[in-house]
Amino acid sequence: MAIRAPHEFTSRRERRQSAPETTFREIEYIDRLSKSKTPVVVKLTDGEEIRGWIEYYDKDIIRITRDTQPNLFIYKSRVKYLYEDPQTGHRRNRDTRS
Protein backbone atom coordinates (compact mmCIF):
# COMPACT_ATOMS: atom_id res chain seq x y z
CA MET A 1 0.00 0.00 0.00
CA ALA A 2 1.39 3.38 -1.05
CA ILE A 3 1.53 6.17 1.50
CA ARG A 4 0.02 9.46 0.37
CA ALA A 5 1.52 12.82 1.10
CA PRO A 6 -0.87 15.12 3.08
CA HIS A 7 -1.51 17.28 0.02
CA GLU A 8 -2.53 14.35 -2.24
CA PHE A 9 -6.17 13.37 -2.57
CA THR A 10 -7.82 10.28 -3.96
CA SER A 11 -10.95 11.93 -5.34
CA ARG A 12 -12.23 15.29 -6.53
CA ARG A 13 -14.69 15.36 -3.61
CA GLU A 14 -11.83 15.31 -1.11
CA ARG A 15 -10.21 18.27 -2.89
CA ARG A 16 -13.28 20.48 -2.66
CA GLN A 17 -13.58 22.57 0.43
CA SER A 18 -16.82 23.99 1.68
CA ALA A 19 -17.28 27.73 2.00
CA PRO A 20 -16.06 29.11 5.31
CA GLU A 21 -18.74 29.65 7.96
CA THR A 22 -17.49 33.19 8.65
CA THR A 23 -15.53 35.41 6.29
CA PHE A 24 -15.20 38.39 8.66
CA ARG A 25 -16.29 40.70 5.81
CA GLU A 26 -19.61 41.71 7.42
CA ILE A 27 -18.19 44.91 8.90
CA GLU A 28 -16.70 46.01 5.57
CA TYR A 29 -19.99 45.43 3.76
CA ILE A 30 -22.14 47.20 6.36
CA ASP A 31 -19.64 50.07 6.51
CA ARG A 32 -19.81 50.52 2.72
CA LEU A 33 -23.62 50.45 2.78
CA SER A 34 -23.68 52.95 5.64
CA LYS A 35 -21.22 55.44 4.13
CA SER A 36 -22.93 55.43 0.73
CA LYS A 37 -26.42 55.50 2.32
CA THR A 38 -27.46 52.65 0.06
CA PRO A 39 -31.11 51.62 0.52
CA VAL A 40 -31.34 48.14 2.01
CA VAL A 41 -33.94 45.55 2.88
CA VAL A 42 -33.45 43.86 6.24
CA LYS A 43 -35.16 40.48 6.58
CA LEU A 44 -35.76 39.60 10.23
CA THR A 45 -35.86 36.09 11.68
CA ASP A 46 -39.66 36.35 12.06
CA GLY A 47 -40.06 37.10 8.32
CA GLU A 48 -40.69 40.85 8.57
CA GLU A 49 -38.93 43.05 6.01
CA ILE A 50 -37.72 46.53 6.87
CA ARG A 51 -36.62 49.02 4.21
CA GLY A 52 -34.36 52.00 4.83
CA TRP A 53 -30.68 52.79 5.00
CA ILE A 54 -28.08 52.01 7.64
CA GLU A 55 -27.22 55.15 9.57
CA TYR A 56 -25.31 53.55 12.45
CA TYR A 57 -24.05 50.12 13.45
CA ASP A 58 -21.90 48.48 16.09
CA LYS A 59 -21.16 44.89 17.09
CA ASP A 60 -24.70 44.27 18.39
CA ILE A 61 -27.12 46.57 16.54
CA ILE A 62 -27.85 48.41 13.34
CA ARG A 63 -29.92 51.58 13.05
CA ILE A 64 -32.23 51.70 10.06
CA THR A 65 -33.32 55.18 9.01
CA ARG A 66 -36.56 55.42 7.04
CA ASP A 67 -38.17 58.32 5.17
CA THR A 68 -41.80 58.08 6.22
CA GLN A 69 -41.69 55.79 9.26
CA PRO A 70 -39.85 55.88 12.59
CA ASN A 71 -36.19 54.93 12.63
CA LEU A 72 -35.35 51.57 14.20
CA PHE A 73 -32.54 50.03 16.22
CA ILE A 74 -32.39 46.32 15.38
CA TYR A 75 -30.35 43.71 17.20
CA LYS A 76 -28.12 41.87 14.72
CA SER A 77 -29.19 38.59 16.30
CA ARG A 78 -32.73 39.29 14.95
CA VAL A 79 -31.45 39.83 11.38
CA LYS A 80 -31.72 36.82 9.10
CA TYR A 81 -30.06 38.64 6.19
CA LEU A 82 -29.96 42.00 4.45
CA TYR A 83 -29.46 43.10 0.88
CA GLU A 84 -29.39 46.22 -1.27
CA ASP A 85 -32.92 47.30 -2.16
CA PRO A 86 -33.57 46.46 -5.82
CA GLN A 87 -36.73 48.64 -5.92
CA THR A 88 -34.79 51.87 -5.62
CA GLY A 89 -32.17 50.96 -8.21
CA HIS A 90 -29.89 53.85 -7.19
CA ARG A 91 -27.99 55.22 -4.25
CA ARG A 92 -29.67 57.90 -2.19
CA ASN A 93 -28.34 61.39 -2.20
CA ARG A 94 -28.79 62.52 1.40
CA ASP A 95 -26.70 65.64 1.07
CA THR A 96 -28.65 68.36 2.90
CA ARG A 97 -26.60 71.26 1.55
CA SER A 98 -28.50 73.55 -0.81
C-alpha atoms as a PDB file:
ATOM      1  CA  MET A   1       0.000   0.000   0.000  1.00  0.00           C
ATOM      2  CA  ALA A   2       1.394   3.383  -1.048  1.00  0.00           C
ATOM      3  CA  ILE A   3       1.530   6.166   1.504  1.00  0.00           C
ATOM      4  CA  ARG A   4       0.018   9.455   0.369  1.00  0.00           C
ATOM      5  CA  ALA A   5       1.520  12.816   1.105  1.00  0.00           C
ATOM      6  CA  PRO A   6      -0.866  15.121   3.083  1.00  0.00           C
ATOM      7  CA  HIS A   7      -1.512  17.278   0.016  1.00  0.00           C
ATOM      8  CA  GLU A   8      -2.534  14.354  -2.236  1.00  0.00           C
ATOM      9  CA  PHE A   9      -6.167  13.367  -2.567  1.00  0.00           C
ATOM     10  CA  THR A  10      -7.818  10.276  -3.957  1.00  0.00           C
ATOM     11  CA  SER A  11     -10.951  11.927  -5.338  1.00  0.00           C
ATOM     12  CA  ARG A  12     -12.230  15.287  -6.528  1.00  0.00           C
ATOM     13  CA  ARG A  13     -14.687  15.360  -3.611  1.00  0.00           C
ATOM     14  CA  GLU A  14     -11.832  15.306  -1.111  1.00  0.00           C
ATOM     15  CA  ARG A  15     -10.211  18.267  -2.889  1.00  0.00           C
ATOM     16  CA  ARG A  16     -13.279  20.475  -2.657  1.00  0.00           C
ATOM     17  CA  GLN A  17     -13.579  22.572   0.426  1.00  0.00           C
ATOM     18  CA  SER A  18     -16.822  23.989   1.677  1.00  0.00           C
ATOM     19  CA  ALA A  19     -17.278  27.727   1.996  1.00  0.00           C
ATOM     20  CA  PRO A  20     -16.065  29.113   5.312  1.00  0.00           C
ATOM     21  CA  GLU A  21     -18.740  29.650   7.962  1.00  0.00           C
ATOM     22  CA  THR A  22     -17.495  33.186   8.650  1.00  0.00           C
ATOM     23  CA  THR A  23     -15.528  35.408   6.286  1.00  0.00           C
ATOM     24  CA  PHE A  24     -15.198  38.391   8.662  1.00  0.00           C
ATOM     25  CA  ARG A  25     -16.286  40.699   5.813  1.00  0.00           C
ATOM     26  CA  GLU A  26     -19.609  41.713   7.425  1.00  0.00           C
ATOM     27  CA  ILE A  27     -18.189  44.907   8.902  1.00  0.00           C
ATOM     28  CA  GLU A  28     -16.697  46.013   5.574  1.00  0.00           C
ATOM     29  CA  TYR A  29     -19.991  45.428   3.760  1.00  0.00           C
ATOM     30  CA  ILE A  30     -22.143  47.205   6.358  1.00  0.00           C
ATOM     31  CA  ASP A  31     -19.639  50.074   6.509  1.00  0.00           C
ATOM     32  CA  ARG A  32     -19.805  50.521   2.725  1.00  0.00           C
ATOM     33  CA  LEU A  33     -23.623  50.454   2.779  1.00  0.00           C
ATOM     34  CA  SER A  34     -23.683  52.951   5.635  1.00  0.00           C
ATOM     35  CA  LYS A  35     -21.220  55.437   4.129  1.00  0.00           C
ATOM     36  CA  SER A  36     -22.931  55.428   0.732  1.00  0.00           C
ATOM     37  CA  LYS A  37     -26.420  55.502   2.315  1.00  0.00           C
ATOM     38  CA  THR A  38     -27.460  52.646   0.058  1.00  0.00           C
ATOM     39  CA  PRO A  39     -31.114  51.622   0.520  1.00  0.00           C
ATOM     40  CA  VAL A  40     -31.343  48.144   2.013  1.00  0.00           C
ATOM     41  CA  VAL A  41     -33.939  45.548   2.877  1.00  0.00           C
ATOM     42  CA  VAL A  42     -33.445  43.861   6.245  1.00  0.00           C
ATOM     43  CA  LYS A  43     -35.157  40.478   6.577  1.00  0.00           C
ATOM     44  CA  LEU A  44     -35.764  39.597  10.226  1.00  0.00           C
ATOM     45  CA  THR A  45     -35.864  36.094  11.677  1.00  0.00           C
ATOM     46  CA  ASP A  46     -39.661  36.353  12.058  1.00  0.00           C
ATOM     47  CA  GLY A  47     -40.063  37.102   8.322  1.00  0.00           C
ATOM     48  CA  GLU A  48     -40.686  40.851   8.572  1.00  0.00           C
ATOM     49  CA  GLU A  49     -38.928  43.048   6.012  1.00  0.00           C
ATOM     50  CA  ILE A  50     -37.717  46.528   6.870  1.00  0.00           C
ATOM     51  CA  ARG A  51     -36.621  49.018   4.214  1.00  0.00           C
ATOM     52  CA  GLY A  52     -34.363  52.000   4.828  1.00  0.00           C
ATOM     53  CA  TRP A  53     -30.677  52.786   4.998  1.00  0.00           C
ATOM     54  CA  ILE A  54     -28.079  52.013   7.643  1.00  0.00           C
ATOM     55  CA  GLU A  55     -27.218  55.148   9.568  1.00  0.00           C
ATOM     56  CA  TYR A  56     -25.312  53.554  12.450  1.00  0.00           C
ATOM     57  CA  TYR A  57     -24.048  50.118  13.454  1.00  0.00           C
ATOM     58  CA  ASP A  58     -21.901  48.478  16.086  1.00  0.00           C
ATOM     59  CA  LYS A  59     -21.162  44.891  17.088  1.00  0.00           C
ATOM     60  CA  ASP A  60     -24.703  44.273  18.393  1.00  0.00           C
ATOM     61  CA  ILE A  61     -27.119  46.566  16.542  1.00  0.00           C
ATOM     62  CA  ILE A  62     -27.855  48.411  13.338  1.00  0.00           C
ATOM     63  CA  ARG A  63     -29.921  51.583  13.050  1.00  0.00           C
ATOM     64  CA  ILE A  64     -32.231  51.702  10.058  1.00  0.00           C
ATOM     65  CA  THR A  65     -33.320  55.181   9.006  1.00  0.00           C
ATOM     66  CA  ARG A  66     -36.557  55.417   7.038  1.00  0.00           C
ATOM     67  CA  ASP A  67     -38.166  58.324   5.173  1.00  0.00           C
ATOM     68  CA  THR A  68     -41.801  58.078   6.221  1.00  0.00           C
ATOM     69  CA  GLN A  69     -41.691  55.793   9.258  1.00  0.00           C
ATOM     70  CA  PRO A  70     -39.855  55.883  12.595  1.00  0.00           C
ATOM     71  CA  ASN A  71     -36.195  54.928  12.629  1.00  0.00           C
ATOM     72  CA  LEU A  72     -35.345  51.568  14.198  1.00  0.00           C
ATOM     73  CA  PHE A  73     -32.544  50.030  16.218  1.00  0.00           C
ATOM     74  CA  ILE A  74     -32.392  46.320  15.384  1.00  0.00           C
ATOM     75  CA  TYR A  75     -30.346  43.707  17.197  1.00  0.00           C
ATOM     76  CA  LYS A  76     -28.118  41.873  14.721  1.00  0.00           C
ATOM     77  CA  SER A  77     -29.192  38.594  16.302  1.00  0.00           C
ATOM     78  CA  ARG A  78     -32.726  39.294  14.952  1.00  0.00           C
ATOM     79  CA  VAL A  79     -31.448  39.830  11.377  1.00  0.00           C
ATOM     80  CA  LYS A  80     -31.722  36.816   9.096  1.00  0.00           C
ATOM     81  CA  TYR A  81     -30.064  38.645   6.189  1.00  0.00           C
ATOM     82  CA  LEU A  82     -29.958  42.005   4.449  1.00  0.00           C
ATOM     83  CA  TYR A  83     -29.460  43.097   0.876  1.00  0.00           C
ATOM     84  CA  GLU A  84     -29.390  46.218  -1.269  1.00  0.00           C
ATOM     85  CA  ASP A  85     -32.923  47.298  -2.156  1.00  0.00           C
ATOM     86  CA  PRO A  86     -33.571  46.465  -5.821  1.00  0.00           C
ATOM     87  CA  GLN A  87     -36.730  48.644  -5.923  1.00  0.00           C
ATOM     88  CA  THR A  88     -34.790  51.868  -5.620  1.00  0.00           C
ATOM     89  CA  GLY A  89     -32.168  50.962  -8.205  1.00  0.00           C
ATOM     90  CA  HIS A  90     -29.887  53.847  -7.190  1.00  0.00           C
ATOM     91  CA  ARG A  91     -27.989  55.219  -4.253  1.00  0.00           C
ATOM     92  CA  ARG A  92     -29.673  57.895  -2.189  1.00  0.00           C
ATOM     93  CA  ASN A  93     -28.341  61.392  -2.204  1.00  0.00           C
ATOM     94  CA  ARG A  94     -28.787  62.518   1.397  1.00  0.00           C
ATOM     95  CA  ASP A  95     -26.703  65.642   1.073  1.00  0.00           C
ATOM     96  CA  THR A  96     -28.645  68.362   2.903  1.00  0.00           C
ATOM     97  CA  ARG A  97     -26.597  71.257   1.546  1.00  0.00           C
ATOM     98  CA  SER A  98     -28.503  73.550  -0.813  1.00  0.00           C
END
